[in-house]
Amino acid sequence: NSRPFTLTNSLSSTALRALNFLQAPEFVSFQKGDWPVSGEKIPDLVALTMGFSVQEDLSWPGLQAGPLFQRPRANVLVVVRGVDSLALPQSVASYPLENPVPFTLDSVAETVHSLFAEDTPVVLQLAPSEERLYMLGKANAVFEDLPVTLQQIRARLSQDGSVLASLPLNSLSRNAEADLLFLSEVQVLHDITALLQRHRHLAKDHSPDLYSLELSGLEELSRLYGRDSAQYRDATAILASVLQKFGEDVYGLYGNSAVVEVVTVKTFEAPLTRKSRSILESKQISNPGSPYNLAYKYNFQYAVVFNIVLWLMIALALAVIATAYNLWNMDPGYDSIIYRMTNQKIRMD
């Protein structure tokens, strides 16, 4: 983590076209092409890269079918708001994004939790600008010290090991609110990799981990300074370098068995209505995604479970009724061996 960040030259880099796969294991292969991906299909694409099934077939030729008995140990999705493209030195594959509507990985998180509940996988969804955090499984213990609120993150910037010591700020200021928001998000990326290096055992278990991060610092910088400002250009170059290093670190920590995606979007076409969730104070609640104690969303396995329970209860009820009917109409003298032998003994006496 002490290795300094180096800015990449945009002239010799590969432009990020909305959806970019920074890292991927060899058994997760992509075809080179310009096939667009719809924003609402990104959760299904993440699920398929992790080896999970989806409710509707994804008719997208970019992802090739992989082996049945191999799945990545982790999937890391980073959403960058406020920029159409970034310049990165290298990537596995990149594709254009169409219909950039807001999306979440809640369905993928529920699948991971339901399939690997006993192994307590790491599920971390974080948006520093909105102070939104959702952790599940082992993430509660590993990322307990991760700064969540903007006040905590800004205090972290003044402590030892801060990214301010290694980042070339150039035109960015340590006193401006928008600049501090951007630097705080960079600090969160740095702290996540630091905590993962401290808890390397997470990458060696059998349950896949899921990380979802949303960064909006560039969006605030573009609003304040404009896209042609020196601050926005310097922040874009810093973020591209930081994301490249972040992907390499996570990929190495998981033994070259992690998929790292970066989605860049200038603005979403529709506002995202989302319930804030935090289970830092309560480890187990009935439905962490709803403060109103609402039921979970419909699961496609509901019909199967319902029929199994329904017909099993009907069969048990019929069995009880038949048993009770036979007992009620039983003749003790003929149907019971106990009474039969007792009657014979009485007659002999």
Protein backbone atom coordinates (compact mmCIF):
# COMPACT_ATOMS: atom_id res chain seq x y z
CA ASN A 1 0.00 0.00 0.00
CA SER A 2 2.98 2.31 0.32
CA ARG A 3 3.59 2.25 -3.42
CA PRO A 4 2.84 5.76 -4.75
CA PHE A 5 0.18 6.37 -7.33
CA THR A 6 1.36 7.17 -10.83
CA LEU A 7 -0.73 9.09 -13.30
CA THR A 8 -1.24 7.50 -16.69
CA ASN A 9 -0.83 9.22 -20.01
CA SER A 10 -4.19 9.41 -21.76
CA LEU A 11 -2.54 9.34 -25.17
CA SER A 12 -1.08 5.88 -24.63
CA SER A 13 -3.99 4.47 -22.64
CA THR A 14 -7.10 2.60 -23.59
CA ALA A 15 -10.24 4.68 -23.26
CA LEU A 16 -12.83 3.34 -20.90
CA ARG A 17 -16.15 3.00 -22.75
CA ALA A 18 -18.73 3.04 -19.96
CA LEU A 19 -18.35 -0.66 -19.01
CA ASN A 20 -14.81 -1.89 -18.53
CA PHE A 21 -13.50 -5.14 -17.07
CA LEU A 22 -10.19 -4.27 -15.42
CA GLN A 23 -9.41 -7.76 -14.20
CA ALA A 24 -10.84 -11.22 -14.78
CA PRO A 25 -9.56 -14.78 -14.32
CA GLU A 26 -8.72 -16.91 -17.32
CA PHE A 27 -11.90 -19.00 -17.07
CA VAL A 28 -14.07 -15.84 -17.38
CA SER A 29 -13.56 -14.85 -20.99
CA PHE A 30 -14.98 -11.99 -23.04
CA GLN A 31 -15.24 -11.47 -26.77
CA LYS A 32 -13.84 -8.35 -28.33
CA GLY A 33 -16.53 -6.21 -29.86
CA ASP A 34 -18.76 -3.17 -29.54
CA TRP A 35 -21.87 -4.86 -28.21
CA PRO A 36 -23.72 -2.38 -26.00
CA VAL A 37 -24.92 -3.36 -22.54
CA SER A 38 -28.09 -1.96 -21.04
CA GLY A 39 -27.72 -0.50 -17.57
CA GLU A 40 -30.55 -2.58 -16.17
CA LYS A 41 -28.79 -5.78 -17.31
CA ILE A 42 -25.55 -5.14 -15.43
CA PRO A 43 -26.74 -7.02 -12.29
CA ASP A 44 -27.50 -10.07 -14.45
CA LEU A 45 -24.09 -9.76 -16.09
CA VAL A 46 -22.41 -9.64 -12.68
CA ALA A 47 -24.38 -12.71 -11.58
CA LEU A 48 -23.33 -14.65 -14.69
CA THR A 49 -19.66 -13.80 -14.21
CA MET A 50 -19.97 -15.23 -10.68
CA GLY A 51 -21.47 -18.46 -12.01
CA PHE A 52 -25.06 -17.81 -10.89
CA SER A 53 -28.18 -18.28 -12.94
CA VAL A 54 -30.52 -15.43 -13.81
CA GLN A 55 -34.28 -15.36 -14.27
CA GLU A 56 -34.15 -14.14 -17.86
CA ASP A 57 -31.57 -15.17 -20.44
CA LEU A 58 -29.04 -12.46 -21.22
CA SER A 59 -28.83 -12.25 -25.00
CA TRP A 60 -25.45 -10.53 -25.04
CA PRO A 61 -22.56 -12.14 -26.96
CA GLY A 62 -19.77 -10.40 -25.06
CA LEU A 63 -19.57 -12.98 -22.25
CA GLN A 64 -18.53 -16.48 -23.24
CA ALA A 65 -19.68 -19.62 -21.44
CA GLY A 66 -17.17 -20.79 -18.87
CA PRO A 67 -16.50 -24.04 -16.98
CA LEU A 68 -19.23 -25.33 -14.69
CA PHE A 69 -17.01 -26.09 -11.70
CA GLN A 70 -15.05 -22.85 -11.53
CA ARG A 71 -16.31 -19.52 -10.25
CA PRO A 72 -14.47 -16.31 -9.30
CA ARG A 73 -13.77 -15.82 -5.63
CA ALA A 74 -14.97 -12.21 -5.74
CA ASN A 75 -16.66 -9.63 -7.91
CA VAL A 76 -15.95 -5.93 -7.47
CA LEU A 77 -18.10 -3.35 -9.24
CA VAL A 78 -17.16 0.34 -9.13
CA VAL A 79 -19.63 2.89 -10.51
CA VAL A 80 -18.09 6.29 -11.33
CA ARG A 81 -20.57 9.11 -11.84
CA GLY A 82 -19.80 12.35 -13.63
CA VAL A 83 -17.60 11.11 -16.47
CA ASP A 84 -18.25 9.38 -19.79
CA SER A 85 -14.89 7.66 -20.07
CA LEU A 86 -11.59 7.27 -18.27
CA ALA A 87 -8.11 6.58 -19.57
CA LEU A 88 -6.70 3.34 -18.17
CA PRO A 89 -3.40 1.71 -19.06
CA GLN A 90 -4.87 -1.77 -19.51
CA SER A 91 -8.09 -3.70 -19.29
CA VAL A 92 -9.49 -7.10 -20.21
CA ALA A 93 -12.47 -5.84 -22.23
CA SER A 94 -14.61 -2.73 -22.59
CA TYR A 95 -18.10 -2.21 -23.98
CA PRO A 96 -20.42 0.76 -24.51
CA LEU A 97 -23.28 1.34 -22.14
CA GLU A 98 -26.76 2.13 -23.38
CA ASN A 99 -29.82 3.18 -21.40
CA PRO A 100 -27.80 4.19 -18.32
CA VAL A 101 -30.55 3.77 -15.75
CA PRO A 102 -29.70 3.38 -12.05
CA PHE A 103 -29.14 -0.18 -10.87
CA THR A 104 -28.14 -2.04 -7.73
CA LEU A 105 -26.66 -5.45 -6.97
CA ASP A 106 -29.27 -6.29 -4.35
CA SER A 107 -30.44 -9.35 -6.28
CA VAL A 108 -26.89 -10.67 -6.57
CA ALA A 109 -26.28 -10.02 -2.87
CA GLU A 110 -29.43 -11.95 -1.95
CA THR A 111 -28.31 -14.86 -4.14
CA VAL A 112 -24.88 -14.97 -2.52
CA HIS A 113 -26.39 -14.80 0.95
CA SER A 114 -28.99 -17.51 0.26
CA LEU A 115 -26.58 -19.96 -1.37
CA PHE A 116 -23.65 -19.46 1.01
CA ALA A 117 -25.36 -18.45 4.26
CA GLU A 118 -23.38 -20.93 6.34
CA ASP A 119 -20.03 -19.73 4.95
CA THR A 120 -20.88 -16.06 5.71
CA PRO A 121 -19.48 -14.48 2.53
CA VAL A 122 -18.43 -10.84 2.38
CA VAL A 123 -21.06 -8.52 0.90
CA LEU A 124 -20.16 -4.83 0.91
CA GLN A 125 -22.15 -2.06 -0.81
CA LEU A 126 -20.86 1.45 -0.21
CA ALA A 127 -21.59 4.96 -1.48
CA PRO A 128 -19.42 7.42 0.49
CA SER A 129 -21.06 10.58 -0.86
CA GLU A 130 -24.49 9.42 0.34
CA GLU A 131 -23.09 7.80 3.50
CA ARG A 132 -24.84 4.61 2.42
CA LEU A 133 -23.38 1.36 3.67
CA TYR A 134 -24.66 -2.20 3.59
CA MET A 135 -22.58 -5.04 4.97
CA LEU A 136 -23.39 -8.71 5.36
CA GLY A 137 -21.57 -11.80 6.58
CA LYS A 138 -17.91 -11.48 7.47
CA ALA A 139 -17.90 -7.88 6.27
CA ASN A 140 -19.31 -6.83 9.64
CA ALA A 141 -16.09 -7.83 11.38
CA VAL A 142 -13.58 -7.03 8.63
CA PHE A 143 -14.86 -3.58 7.67
CA GLU A 144 -16.05 -2.54 11.10
CA ASP A 145 -13.36 0.17 11.28
CA LEU A 146 -14.00 1.42 7.74
CA PRO A 147 -14.92 5.14 7.83
CA VAL A 148 -18.50 5.57 6.70
CA THR A 149 -19.62 9.15 7.19
CA LEU A 150 -17.97 12.04 5.38
CA GLN A 151 -16.79 13.38 8.72
CA GLN A 152 -15.04 10.10 9.53
CA ILE A 153 -13.45 9.89 6.08
CA ARG A 154 -12.18 13.46 6.23
CA ALA A 155 -10.70 12.77 9.65
CA ARG A 156 -9.03 9.73 8.13
CA LEU A 157 -7.36 11.98 5.54
CA SER A 158 -5.43 13.74 8.30
CA GLN A 159 -4.16 10.51 9.89
CA ASP A 160 -1.07 8.46 9.16
CA GLY A 161 -1.22 6.42 5.98
CA SER A 162 -3.45 8.90 4.21
CA VAL A 163 -3.46 8.99 0.43
CA LEU A 164 -2.67 12.71 0.55
CA ALA A 165 0.96 11.82 1.14
CA SER A 166 1.23 9.88 -2.13
CA LEU A 167 -1.24 11.64 -4.44
CA PRO A 168 -0.14 14.48 -6.72
CA LEU A 169 -2.96 16.91 -5.92
CA ASN A 170 -1.84 19.60 -8.40
CA SER A 171 -4.85 21.94 -8.68
CA LEU A 172 -6.97 20.11 -6.09
CA SER A 173 -7.35 21.76 -2.69
CA ARG A 174 -7.49 20.16 0.74
CA ASN A 175 -9.93 22.81 1.96
CA ALA A 176 -12.64 22.77 -0.73
CA GLU A 177 -15.69 20.62 0.00
CA ALA A 178 -15.96 19.10 -3.48
CA ASP A 179 -12.24 18.32 -3.55
CA LEU A 180 -12.43 16.67 -0.13
CA LEU A 181 -15.35 14.52 -1.29
CA PHE A 182 -13.32 13.22 -4.21
CA LEU A 183 -10.24 12.61 -2.05
CA SER A 184 -12.40 10.87 0.54
CA GLU A 185 -13.58 8.36 -2.04
CA VAL A 186 -9.99 7.69 -3.06
CA GLN A 187 -9.17 7.14 0.61
CA VAL A 188 -12.00 4.60 0.93
CA LEU A 189 -10.59 2.58 -1.97
CA HIS A 190 -7.19 2.63 -0.31
CA ASP A 191 -8.60 1.52 3.06
CA ILE A 192 -10.57 -1.35 1.53
CA THR A 193 -7.46 -2.88 0.00
CA ALA A 194 -5.56 -2.29 3.25
CA LEU A 195 -8.20 -4.15 5.26
CA LEU A 196 -8.27 -6.99 2.74
CA GLN A 197 -4.51 -7.35 3.01
CA ARG A 198 -4.88 -7.53 6.77
CA HIS A 199 -7.54 -10.26 6.46
CA ARG A 200 -6.18 -12.42 3.67
CA HIS A 201 -8.11 -15.44 4.93
CA LEU A 202 -11.24 -14.04 3.28
CA ALA A 203 -9.87 -14.85 -0.15
CA LYS A 204 -9.23 -18.49 0.76
CA ASP A 205 -12.72 -19.63 1.70
CA HIS A 206 -15.20 -21.31 -0.62
CA SER A 207 -17.84 -18.57 -0.67
CA PRO A 208 -17.66 -15.79 -3.29
CA ASP A 209 -17.49 -12.19 -2.09
CA LEU A 210 -19.32 -9.21 -3.57
CA TYR A 211 -18.28 -5.54 -3.50
CA SER A 212 -20.28 -2.66 -4.95
CA LEU A 213 -18.89 0.89 -4.72
CA GLU A 214 -20.42 4.09 -6.07
CA LEU A 215 -18.21 7.17 -6.50
CA SER A 216 -19.68 10.60 -7.24
CA GLY A 217 -16.74 12.89 -6.48
CA LEU A 218 -16.15 13.67 -10.15
CA GLU A 219 -19.77 14.63 -10.55
CA GLU A 220 -19.47 17.24 -7.80
CA LEU A 221 -16.22 18.57 -9.28
CA SER A 222 -17.84 18.95 -12.71
CA ARG A 223 -20.73 20.90 -11.20
CA LEU A 224 -18.45 23.23 -9.26
CA TYR A 225 -15.52 23.78 -11.62
CA GLY A 226 -16.76 22.53 -15.00
CA ARG A 227 -15.47 19.73 -17.20
CA ASP A 228 -12.80 21.94 -18.79
CA SER A 229 -11.27 22.96 -15.45
CA ALA A 230 -7.84 21.91 -14.25
CA GLN A 231 -9.37 20.41 -11.10
CA TYR A 232 -11.62 18.09 -13.10
CA ARG A 233 -8.79 16.99 -15.41
CA ASP A 234 -6.43 16.32 -12.50
CA ALA A 235 -9.11 14.38 -10.59
CA THR A 236 -9.92 12.29 -13.67
CA ALA A 237 -6.27 11.35 -14.11
CA ILE A 238 -5.89 10.53 -10.41
CA LEU A 239 -9.01 8.37 -10.35
CA ALA A 240 -7.95 6.42 -13.44
CA SER A 241 -4.61 5.60 -11.82
CA VAL A 242 -6.19 4.77 -8.47
CA LEU A 243 -8.77 2.45 -10.03
CA GLN A 244 -6.11 0.63 -12.00
CA LYS A 245 -4.07 0.04 -8.84
CA PHE A 246 -7.18 -0.89 -6.87
CA GLY A 247 -8.14 -3.52 -9.43
CA GLU A 248 -4.64 -4.99 -9.49
CA ASP A 249 -4.48 -5.17 -5.69
CA VAL A 250 -7.87 -6.85 -5.29
CA TYR A 251 -7.12 -9.25 -8.15
CA GLY A 252 -3.85 -10.27 -6.50
CA LEU A 253 -5.36 -10.61 -3.02
CA TYR A 254 -7.92 -13.10 -4.33
CA GLY A 255 -5.29 -15.21 -6.05
CA ASN A 256 -5.99 -13.94 -9.57
CA SER A 257 -9.58 -15.13 -9.23
CA ALA A 258 -11.62 -11.94 -9.07
CA VAL A 259 -13.61 -9.93 -11.58
CA VAL A 260 -13.24 -6.15 -11.33
CA GLU A 261 -15.62 -3.96 -13.34
CA VAL A 262 -15.78 -0.19 -13.68
CA VAL A 263 -18.91 1.53 -14.97
CA THR A 264 -18.68 5.20 -15.91
CA VAL A 265 -21.77 7.27 -16.50
CA LYS A 266 -22.11 10.99 -16.92
CA THR A 267 -25.61 11.14 -15.52
CA PHE A 268 -28.31 8.58 -14.91
CA GLU A 269 -31.45 8.93 -16.96
CA ALA A 270 -33.75 8.46 -13.98
CA PRO A 271 -33.29 9.21 -10.30
CA LEU A 272 -32.56 6.19 -8.15
CA THR A 273 -35.06 5.58 -5.37
CA ARG A 274 -33.32 3.38 -2.89
CA LYS A 275 -33.77 2.59 0.76
CA SER A 276 -30.67 3.30 2.83
CA ARG A 277 -29.52 0.25 4.71
CA SER A 278 -27.10 -0.16 7.57
CA ILE A 279 -26.63 -3.26 9.72
CA LEU A 280 -23.64 -2.06 11.67
CA GLU A 281 -25.70 -1.81 14.85
CA SER A 282 -27.87 -4.85 14.27
CA LYS A 283 -26.25 -7.98 12.90
CA GLN A 284 -29.43 -9.87 12.07
CA ILE A 285 -32.74 -8.27 11.16
CA SER A 286 -35.66 -9.73 9.26
CA ASN A 287 -35.25 -7.58 6.18
CA PRO A 288 -32.25 -5.21 6.21
CA GLY A 289 -33.44 -3.53 3.01
CA SER A 290 -36.70 -2.21 4.45
CA PRO A 291 -37.15 -0.02 7.52
CA TYR A 292 -40.90 -0.75 7.41
CA ASN A 293 -40.57 -4.51 8.05
CA LEU A 294 -41.72 -5.33 4.53
CA ALA A 295 -41.35 -8.76 3.02
CA TYR A 296 -38.55 -9.68 0.65
CA LYS A 297 -38.98 -9.34 -3.06
CA TYR A 298 -40.55 -12.22 -4.96
CA ASN A 299 -38.17 -15.13 -5.49
CA PHE A 300 -38.56 -17.45 -8.47
CA GLN A 301 -38.18 -20.44 -6.09
CA TYR A 302 -41.25 -19.38 -4.11
CA ALA A 303 -43.67 -21.49 -6.19
CA VAL A 304 -41.55 -24.62 -5.68
CA VAL A 305 -41.26 -24.19 -1.92
CA PHE A 306 -44.95 -23.31 -1.63
CA ASN A 307 -46.06 -26.49 -3.44
CA ILE A 308 -43.74 -28.69 -1.37
CA VAL A 309 -45.06 -27.28 1.91
CA LEU A 310 -48.69 -27.27 0.76
CA TRP A 311 -48.89 -30.88 -0.42
CA LEU A 312 -46.81 -32.16 2.48
CA MET A 313 -49.23 -30.57 4.94
CA ILE A 314 -52.23 -31.99 3.04
CA ALA A 315 -50.69 -35.49 3.08
CA LEU A 316 -49.98 -35.28 6.81
CA ALA A 317 -53.52 -34.04 7.51
CA LEU A 318 -55.04 -36.92 5.53
CA ALA A 319 -52.83 -39.40 7.36
CA VAL A 320 -53.96 -38.07 10.74
CA ILE A 321 -57.62 -38.19 9.70
CA ALA A 322 -57.33 -41.78 8.44
CA THR A 323 -55.54 -42.90 11.59
CA ALA A 324 -58.11 -41.25 13.84
CA TYR A 325 -61.00 -42.78 11.87
CA ASN A 326 -59.55 -46.30 12.11
CA LEU A 327 -58.92 -45.94 15.84
CA TRP A 328 -62.45 -44.67 16.43
CA ASN A 329 -64.06 -47.60 14.57
CA MET A 330 -61.72 -50.29 15.91
CA ASP A 331 -63.24 -53.30 17.71
CA PRO A 332 -60.99 -54.10 20.67
CA GLY A 333 -62.09 -57.70 20.77
CA TYR A 334 -61.07 -58.46 17.20
CA ASP A 335 -58.63 -55.76 16.13
CA SER A 336 -56.45 -55.61 19.24
CA ILE A 337 -54.21 -58.51 20.25
CA ILE A 338 -54.11 -57.24 23.82
CA TYR A 339 -57.86 -57.47 24.40
CA ARG A 340 -58.01 -60.74 22.46
CA MET A 341 -55.49 -62.49 24.74
CA THR A 342 -57.14 -60.99 27.82
CA ASN A 343 -60.52 -62.37 26.83
CA GLN A 344 -59.06 -65.85 26.25
CA LYS A 345 -57.41 -65.78 29.67
CA ILE A 346 -60.67 -64.80 31.33
CA ARG A 347 -62.54 -67.62 29.59
CA MET A 348 -59.92 -70.17 30.69
CA ASP A 349 -60.17 -69.06 34.27
